[in-house]
Amino acid sequence: MREDKKPPPPFPLTLITGFLGAGKTSLLNRLLRDPLAAGTLVLVNEFGEIGLDHLLVERVDGDMLVMTSGCLCCSIRGELIAALEDILRRRDNGRIAPFDRVIIETTGLADPAPVLHTIMTHPYLALRFRLDGVITLIDAVNGSDTLEAHEEAVKQAAMADRLVLSKTDLLTNGEGLPELRARLARLNPGAILLDAAQGQATPEALLNLGIYDPDQKLPDVRRWLNAEAYPARADHDHPPGSHAHAVHRALDVNRHDARIRAFCIRHEVPLSAMALDLFIELLQGAHGPKLLRLKGIVALADDLARPLVIQGVQHVFHPPRRLPAWPDGDHATRIVFILRDLDQAFVDALWRAVADIPSPDSPDRAALTGNPLAPCKAGLLD
């Protein structure tokens, strides 16, 4: 009796985005030359009827599909589903060489969220692919002007797991680079910032970023979450007359930047599964489109030894995953938020309500052991 073939473990999928002219194709070429990227299948998206970018992408050890019917963020979402389903069928039937990962390069005008939604919500694609990471390129020469003029570029930077600065070698004495670096760090503190011209954008730095390990080993949650990079306090916590508030106002003058909030909640007391479900449901229902990224590791009271990993993009959440054990000695809940047009105070209040945490000025708070809602930096660097 023949055994039914089981599909292989989910393939890691990487999204490379960045505004027009940021150097996505050049980065892709460099990645494909490296042995670590062997067995990669690439989807290249182009805007317009005639595709040109694919002529610049070298064919190394993998297949490449070119989609030319429009912007990946909207009009060809259905085509993206069809293309991914097709390559899976062809791989399973032996009609193309087996691939081990997929990289999607978007047009510079793309909003990353719909692409991520496609992978996370489609029942079959969610079974066969796992999000490995979002890589956003920033042109160091024109990056500041681009962020000033285009909200899409700000959103691309805010949603990234890795930010790659390109063309820094073209700057005169590094002019404007410290300011650009500081701006990106405020937009997305948790994203590792790499300089391509300095050789930092290596496959080791850009691939295998995700939490879902096909080998069932304990994942590197600290590297994935990078919670210690987030500020201990929100900007609005600083009094209007304080030095910190003045610095924030001096640096954060762009209207697009001002819409983004990035922070991390740390909770020392295990949470009930019902409370976590309620928190996510209320956050999704009331402000889903404002939730650019959410990812975290959660201590649940029903199984203290096995934490839950959660990850969401706007109103869409990847199925949560139970880890077989805590990956390190820190057993506190840590959830990273990147929001647009939503203040941290709302999320804090919602969390306190569902987790039954006394407010900061409540007399009952002193009765709690430790600090159940503390800055994410606490304990992570011990």
Protein backbone atom coordinates (compact mmCIF):
# COMPACT_ATOMS: atom_id res chain seq x y z
CA MET A 1 0.00 0.00 0.00
CA ARG A 2 1.50 3.29 -1.08
CA GLU A 3 1.98 5.92 1.58
CA ASP A 4 0.55 9.36 0.89
CA LYS A 5 3.19 11.95 0.26
CA LYS A 6 3.39 14.56 2.95
CA PRO A 7 4.28 18.12 2.02
CA PRO A 8 7.72 19.26 3.15
CA PRO A 9 8.06 21.66 6.09
CA PRO A 10 6.93 25.22 5.29
CA PHE A 11 9.31 27.13 3.10
CA PRO A 12 10.75 30.40 4.46
CA LEU A 13 9.50 33.42 2.53
CA THR A 14 11.34 36.74 2.54
CA LEU A 15 9.90 40.03 1.35
CA ILE A 16 12.35 42.60 -0.05
CA THR A 17 10.87 46.06 -0.31
CA GLY A 18 12.06 49.63 -0.52
CA PHE A 19 11.20 52.77 -2.42
CA LEU A 20 12.02 53.34 -6.08
CA GLY A 21 15.75 53.32 -6.77
CA ALA A 22 16.74 52.02 -3.35
CA GLY A 23 18.78 49.16 -4.81
CA LYS A 24 16.54 46.12 -4.32
CA THR A 25 17.71 44.40 -7.51
CA SER A 26 21.38 44.90 -6.62
CA LEU A 27 20.81 43.42 -3.18
CA LEU A 28 18.92 40.50 -4.67
CA ASN A 29 21.77 39.76 -7.07
CA ARG A 30 24.27 39.72 -4.22
CA LEU A 31 22.11 37.39 -2.15
CA LEU A 32 21.63 34.94 -5.01
CA ARG A 33 25.37 34.62 -5.56
CA ASP A 34 25.89 33.31 -2.02
CA PRO A 35 25.78 29.56 -1.30
CA LEU A 36 23.44 30.21 1.63
CA ALA A 37 20.79 31.33 -0.87
CA ALA A 38 21.10 28.22 -3.04
CA GLY A 39 17.73 26.73 -3.89
CA THR A 40 15.96 30.10 -3.78
CA LEU A 41 13.03 30.85 -6.05
CA VAL A 42 12.47 34.55 -6.73
CA LEU A 43 9.28 36.40 -7.57
CA VAL A 44 10.00 39.79 -9.12
CA ASN A 45 7.18 42.27 -9.39
CA GLU A 46 7.16 45.22 -11.75
CA PHE A 47 4.89 48.14 -12.36
CA GLY A 48 3.67 48.56 -15.92
CA GLU A 49 3.15 46.38 -18.94
CA ILE A 50 6.83 45.98 -19.86
CA GLY A 51 9.09 44.41 -17.25
CA LEU A 52 12.69 45.53 -17.23
CA ASP A 53 14.01 44.78 -13.75
CA HIS A 54 14.21 41.05 -14.44
CA LEU A 55 16.80 41.71 -17.13
CA LEU A 56 19.14 42.87 -14.36
CA VAL A 57 18.59 39.86 -12.11
CA GLU A 58 21.09 37.12 -12.74
CA ARG A 59 19.87 33.56 -12.89
CA VAL A 60 21.96 31.61 -10.42
CA ASP A 61 20.69 28.33 -8.96
CA GLY A 62 16.98 28.86 -9.02
CA ASP A 63 13.92 29.80 -11.00
CA MET A 64 12.54 33.28 -11.32
CA LEU A 65 9.02 34.34 -12.16
CA VAL A 66 8.22 37.82 -13.40
CA MET A 67 4.78 39.30 -12.78
CA THR A 68 4.07 42.38 -14.89
CA SER A 69 0.36 43.06 -14.55
CA GLY A 70 0.64 45.79 -11.95
CA CYS A 71 1.57 46.78 -8.42
CA LEU A 72 2.00 43.88 -6.02
CA CYS A 73 0.24 45.81 -3.27
CA CYS A 74 -3.14 45.79 -5.00
CA SER A 75 -4.00 44.70 -8.52
CA ILE A 76 -2.09 41.44 -8.72
CA ARG A 77 -2.78 40.07 -5.28
CA GLY A 78 -4.83 37.37 -6.99
CA GLU A 79 -1.96 36.76 -9.38
CA LEU A 80 0.43 36.39 -6.47
CA ILE A 81 -1.76 33.66 -4.99
CA ALA A 82 -1.96 31.94 -8.36
CA ALA A 83 1.81 32.19 -8.87
CA LEU A 84 2.61 30.77 -5.44
CA GLU A 85 0.10 27.94 -5.85
CA ASP A 86 1.52 27.19 -9.29
CA ILE A 87 5.14 26.97 -8.15
CA LEU A 88 4.11 24.67 -5.32
CA ARG A 89 2.30 22.34 -7.74
CA ARG A 90 5.24 22.36 -10.13
CA ARG A 91 7.68 21.62 -7.32
CA ASP A 92 5.53 18.84 -5.88
CA ASN A 93 5.14 17.28 -9.34
CA GLY A 94 8.84 17.51 -10.14
CA ARG A 95 8.33 19.96 -13.03
CA ILE A 96 10.78 22.47 -11.55
CA ALA A 97 13.89 21.99 -9.48
CA PRO A 98 13.15 21.74 -5.76
CA PHE A 99 13.46 25.09 -4.02
CA ASP A 100 14.08 25.65 -0.33
CA ARG A 101 13.00 29.27 0.07
CA VAL A 102 11.14 32.03 -1.77
CA ILE A 103 12.07 35.70 -2.03
CA ILE A 104 9.54 38.26 -3.26
CA GLU A 105 10.87 41.58 -4.51
CA THR A 106 8.10 44.18 -4.59
CA THR A 107 7.75 47.33 -6.62
CA GLY A 108 8.98 50.45 -4.87
CA LEU A 109 5.40 51.69 -4.55
CA ALA A 110 4.20 48.63 -2.66
CA ASP A 111 2.60 48.52 0.74
CA PRO A 112 4.05 45.38 2.37
CA ALA A 113 0.90 44.61 4.37
CA PRO A 114 -1.30 43.11 1.61
CA VAL A 115 1.52 40.83 0.50
CA LEU A 116 1.96 39.57 4.05
CA HIS A 117 -1.82 39.20 4.40
CA THR A 118 -1.84 36.97 1.31
CA ILE A 119 0.66 34.56 2.86
CA MET A 120 -0.88 34.59 6.33
CA THR A 121 -4.59 34.27 5.47
CA HIS A 122 -4.68 31.88 2.52
CA PRO A 123 -5.27 28.40 4.04
CA TYR A 124 -2.99 26.52 1.66
CA LEU A 125 -0.25 29.14 1.42
CA ALA A 126 -0.17 29.52 5.21
CA LEU A 127 0.44 25.77 5.40
CA ARG A 128 3.26 25.75 2.83
CA PHE A 129 5.04 29.06 3.58
CA ARG A 130 6.27 30.78 6.72
CA LEU A 131 7.21 34.42 6.89
CA ASP A 132 10.95 34.63 7.44
CA GLY A 133 11.34 38.40 7.40
CA VAL A 134 10.73 41.77 5.78
CA ILE A 135 13.84 43.52 4.42
CA THR A 136 13.53 47.21 3.53
CA LEU A 137 16.16 49.11 1.59
CA ILE A 138 16.73 52.81 2.18
CA ASP A 139 18.65 54.94 -0.31
CA ALA A 140 21.13 56.89 1.85
CA VAL A 141 21.46 59.63 -0.77
CA ASN A 142 17.75 60.30 -1.23
CA GLY A 143 16.35 58.48 1.80
CA SER A 144 15.54 61.50 3.95
CA ASP A 145 13.76 63.27 1.10
CA THR A 146 11.88 60.10 0.23
CA LEU A 147 10.69 59.66 3.81
CA GLU A 148 9.60 63.30 3.86
CA ALA A 149 7.60 63.03 0.64
CA HIS A 150 6.19 59.50 0.59
CA GLU A 151 4.24 57.87 3.37
CA GLU A 152 4.66 54.50 1.65
CA ALA A 153 8.41 54.68 2.31
CA VAL A 154 7.81 55.38 6.00
CA LYS A 155 5.48 52.39 6.26
CA GLN A 156 8.01 50.15 4.51
CA ALA A 157 10.65 51.18 7.04
CA ALA A 158 8.34 50.79 10.02
CA MET A 159 7.31 47.23 9.11
CA ALA A 160 10.81 45.88 8.44
CA ASP A 161 12.73 43.24 10.35
CA ARG A 162 15.96 44.45 8.75
CA LEU A 163 16.73 47.92 7.36
CA VAL A 164 19.47 48.07 4.74
CA LEU A 165 21.11 51.38 3.89
CA SER A 166 22.32 51.52 0.29
CA LYS A 167 24.61 54.02 -1.47
CA THR A 168 26.27 55.30 1.68
CA ASP A 169 29.53 55.27 -0.28
CA LEU A 170 28.10 57.97 -2.56
CA LEU A 171 27.63 60.45 0.28
CA THR A 172 30.08 63.32 0.66
CA ASN A 173 31.81 62.77 4.02
CA GLY A 174 28.75 60.89 5.22
CA GLU A 175 26.62 64.03 5.02
CA GLY A 176 23.16 63.46 6.49
CA LEU A 177 23.83 59.82 7.41
CA PRO A 178 23.72 60.21 11.23
CA GLU A 179 20.38 62.01 10.97
CA LEU A 180 18.96 59.32 8.67
CA ARG A 181 20.15 56.57 10.98
CA ALA A 182 18.58 58.31 13.98
CA ARG A 183 15.32 58.76 12.12
CA LEU A 184 15.11 55.10 11.14
CA ALA A 185 15.94 54.05 14.70
CA ARG A 186 12.99 56.09 15.97
CA LEU A 187 10.64 54.70 13.34
CA ASN A 188 11.57 51.08 13.96
CA PRO A 189 13.86 50.52 16.97
CA GLY A 190 13.70 46.74 16.70
CA ALA A 191 14.94 46.49 13.11
CA ILE A 192 18.67 45.85 12.77
CA LEU A 193 20.21 48.60 10.61
CA LEU A 194 22.79 47.38 8.08
CA ASP A 195 25.07 49.26 5.67
CA ALA A 196 25.28 47.52 2.30
CA ALA A 197 28.36 49.47 1.20
CA GLN A 198 30.18 48.24 4.31
CA GLY A 199 29.40 44.62 3.46
CA GLN A 200 26.92 44.20 6.31
CA ALA A 201 23.95 43.08 4.18
CA THR A 202 25.05 39.47 4.07
CA PRO A 203 22.79 36.42 3.68
CA GLU A 204 23.60 35.51 7.29
CA ALA A 205 22.24 38.89 8.39
CA LEU A 206 19.18 38.90 6.12
CA LEU A 207 17.96 35.29 5.94
CA ASN A 208 16.61 32.89 8.57
CA LEU A 209 15.16 35.69 10.69
CA GLY A 210 11.85 34.05 11.51
CA ILE A 211 10.56 32.30 14.58
CA TYR A 212 9.33 29.15 12.83
CA ASP A 213 12.12 26.60 12.88
CA PRO A 214 11.52 23.58 10.60
CA ASP A 215 14.01 21.54 12.62
CA GLN A 216 11.85 21.98 15.73
CA LYS A 217 14.77 23.44 17.64
CA LEU A 218 14.25 26.25 20.09
CA PRO A 219 14.25 29.46 18.04
CA ASP A 220 16.35 32.49 18.84
CA VAL A 221 13.49 34.56 20.22
CA ARG A 222 15.76 37.33 21.43
CA ARG A 223 17.15 37.88 17.91
CA TRP A 224 13.66 37.72 16.36
CA LEU A 225 11.96 40.00 18.86
CA ASN A 226 14.86 42.36 19.69
CA ALA A 227 12.71 43.75 22.48
CA GLU A 228 15.59 45.41 24.29
CA ALA A 229 15.95 47.88 21.41
CA TYR A 230 12.62 49.52 22.16
CA PRO A 231 12.40 52.61 24.37
CA ALA A 232 11.57 52.01 27.98
CA ARG A 233 9.00 54.81 27.94
CA ALA A 234 6.77 56.28 25.30
CA ASP A 235 7.47 59.80 24.08
CA HIS A 236 4.25 61.09 25.55
CA ASP A 237 5.44 60.05 29.01
CA HIS A 238 7.99 62.87 28.99
CA PRO A 239 6.68 66.14 30.48
CA PRO A 240 6.25 68.88 27.84
CA GLY A 241 9.00 70.98 29.36
CA SER A 242 11.57 68.22 29.76
CA HIS A 243 14.78 67.91 27.78
CA ALA A 244 13.71 64.53 26.35
CA HIS A 245 10.47 66.03 25.07
CA ALA A 246 12.36 68.91 23.47
CA VAL A 247 14.72 66.53 21.69
CA HIS A 248 11.81 64.48 20.42
CA ARG A 249 10.07 67.55 19.03
CA ALA A 250 13.25 68.76 17.39
CA LEU A 251 13.94 65.47 15.62
CA ASP A 252 10.46 64.16 14.88
CA VAL A 253 9.17 67.01 12.72
CA ASN A 254 7.88 65.03 9.75
CA ARG A 255 4.16 64.41 9.70
CA HIS A 256 4.63 60.85 8.44
CA ASP A 257 7.08 59.92 11.20
CA ALA A 258 4.81 61.41 13.83
CA ARG A 259 2.12 58.88 12.91
CA ILE A 260 4.31 55.90 13.90
CA ARG A 261 4.66 54.55 17.44
CA ALA A 262 7.02 51.68 18.28
CA PHE A 263 7.23 50.21 21.77
CA CYS A 264 7.24 46.99 23.76
CA ILE A 265 5.13 45.76 26.66
CA ARG A 266 6.68 43.44 29.22
CA HIS A 267 4.40 41.52 31.60
CA GLU A 268 5.88 39.48 34.44
CA VAL A 269 2.73 37.57 35.50
CA PRO A 270 1.43 34.67 33.35
CA LEU A 271 -1.72 35.55 31.42
CA SER A 272 -4.82 33.49 30.85
CA ALA A 273 -5.45 32.35 27.29
CA MET A 274 -8.87 34.01 27.44
CA ALA A 275 -7.33 37.35 28.39
CA LEU A 276 -4.84 37.16 25.52
CA ASP A 277 -7.57 36.24 23.03
CA LEU A 278 -9.70 39.14 24.26
CA PHE A 279 -6.82 41.60 23.99
CA ILE A 280 -6.03 40.60 20.41
CA GLU A 281 -9.70 40.53 19.42
CA LEU A 282 -10.37 44.01 20.79
CA LEU A 283 -7.19 45.43 19.27
CA GLN A 284 -7.96 43.87 15.89
CA GLY A 285 -11.59 44.89 15.89
CA ALA A 286 -11.12 48.49 16.96
CA HIS A 287 -7.79 49.42 15.38
CA GLY A 288 -6.66 46.60 13.09
CA PRO A 289 -5.49 48.81 10.19
CA LYS A 290 -3.39 50.87 12.63
CA LEU A 291 -1.45 47.83 13.85
CA LEU A 292 1.45 47.67 11.38
CA ARG A 293 3.31 44.86 13.14
CA LEU A 294 2.90 42.91 16.35
CA LYS A 295 5.12 40.08 17.51
CA GLY A 296 5.76 38.60 20.89
CA ILE A 297 6.33 35.70 23.23
CA VAL A 298 3.61 35.17 25.86
CA ALA A 299 3.61 33.32 29.18
CA LEU A 300 0.25 31.60 29.59
CA ALA A 301 -1.06 30.38 32.92
CA ASP A 302 -2.35 27.06 31.52
CA ASP A 303 1.16 25.86 30.64
CA LEU A 304 3.96 27.80 32.30
CA ALA A 305 6.69 25.70 30.66
CA ARG A 306 5.57 26.29 27.05
CA PRO A 307 5.26 29.93 25.91
CA LEU A 308 3.15 31.08 22.99
CA VAL A 309 4.59 32.97 20.01
CA ILE A 310 2.26 35.47 18.31
CA GLN A 311 2.72 37.55 15.17
CA GLY A 312 0.33 39.87 13.33
CA VAL A 313 0.19 42.40 10.51
CA GLN A 314 -2.70 44.85 10.90
CA HIS A 315 -5.89 42.80 11.38
CA VAL A 316 -4.32 39.53 10.23
CA PHE A 317 -2.53 37.20 12.64
CA HIS A 318 -0.43 34.14 11.91
CA PRO A 319 -1.65 31.04 13.76
CA PRO A 320 0.03 31.16 17.19
CA ARG A 321 2.69 28.59 17.96
CA ARG A 322 3.54 26.90 21.25
CA LEU A 323 7.24 26.49 21.82
CA PRO A 324 8.32 23.23 23.46
CA ALA A 325 10.15 25.23 26.15
CA TRP A 326 11.35 28.71 26.97
CA PRO A 327 14.33 29.57 24.77
CA ASP A 328 16.18 31.35 27.58
CA GLY A 329 15.94 32.22 31.24
CA ASP A 330 13.58 35.15 30.74
CA HIS A 331 10.02 33.84 31.21
CA ALA A 332 8.20 37.15 30.99
CA THR A 333 5.72 38.11 28.28
CA ARG A 334 7.23 40.55 25.77
CA ILE A 335 5.13 41.99 22.94
CA VAL A 336 6.45 44.47 20.38
CA PHE A 337 4.04 46.92 18.75
CA ILE A 338 4.49 49.17 15.72
CA LEU A 339 1.43 51.37 15.36
CA ARG A 340 0.27 54.09 13.02
CA ASP A 341 -2.18 56.76 14.21
CA LEU A 342 -2.66 55.00 17.54
CA ASP A 343 -1.17 56.09 20.85
CA GLN A 344 0.60 53.74 23.20
CA ALA A 345 -1.66 54.89 26.02
CA PHE A 346 -4.62 53.12 24.38
CA VAL A 347 -2.74 49.83 24.11
CA ASP A 348 -1.47 50.14 27.69
CA ALA A 349 -5.00 50.76 28.96
CA LEU A 350 -6.42 47.85 26.97
CA TRP A 351 -3.70 45.54 28.21
CA ARG A 352 -4.26 46.58 31.82
CA ALA A 353 -7.99 45.99 31.44
CA VAL A 354 -7.78 42.46 30.04
CA ALA A 355 -4.81 41.44 32.21
CA ASP A 356 -6.47 42.91 35.32
CA ILE A 357 -3.46 45.05 36.16
CA PRO A 358 -4.11 47.94 38.57
CA SER A 359 -3.48 51.34 37.03
CA PRO A 360 -0.22 53.11 38.01
CA ASP A 361 -1.96 55.30 40.59
CA SER A 362 -4.07 52.50 42.09
CA PRO A 363 -3.42 51.67 45.77
CA ASP A 364 -3.75 47.98 44.90
CA ARG A 365 -0.70 48.15 42.65
CA ALA A 366 1.67 48.15 45.61
CA ALA A 367 0.33 44.74 46.61
CA LEU A 368 1.59 43.18 43.39
CA THR A 369 4.83 41.25 43.46
CA GLY A 370 7.41 42.95 41.25
CA ASN A 371 6.32 45.06 38.33
CA PRO A 372 3.90 43.17 36.04
CA LEU A 373 3.98 45.83 33.32
CA ALA A 374 7.55 46.98 32.99
CA PRO A 375 9.84 48.28 30.25
CA CYS A 376 11.03 45.54 27.91
CA LYS A 377 14.64 46.35 28.70
CA ALA A 378 14.28 44.97 32.20
CA GLY A 379 15.92 41.58 32.56
CA LEU A 380 16.86 41.16 28.91
CA LEU A 381 20.47 42.17 29.26
CA ASP A 382 21.26 40.18 32.38
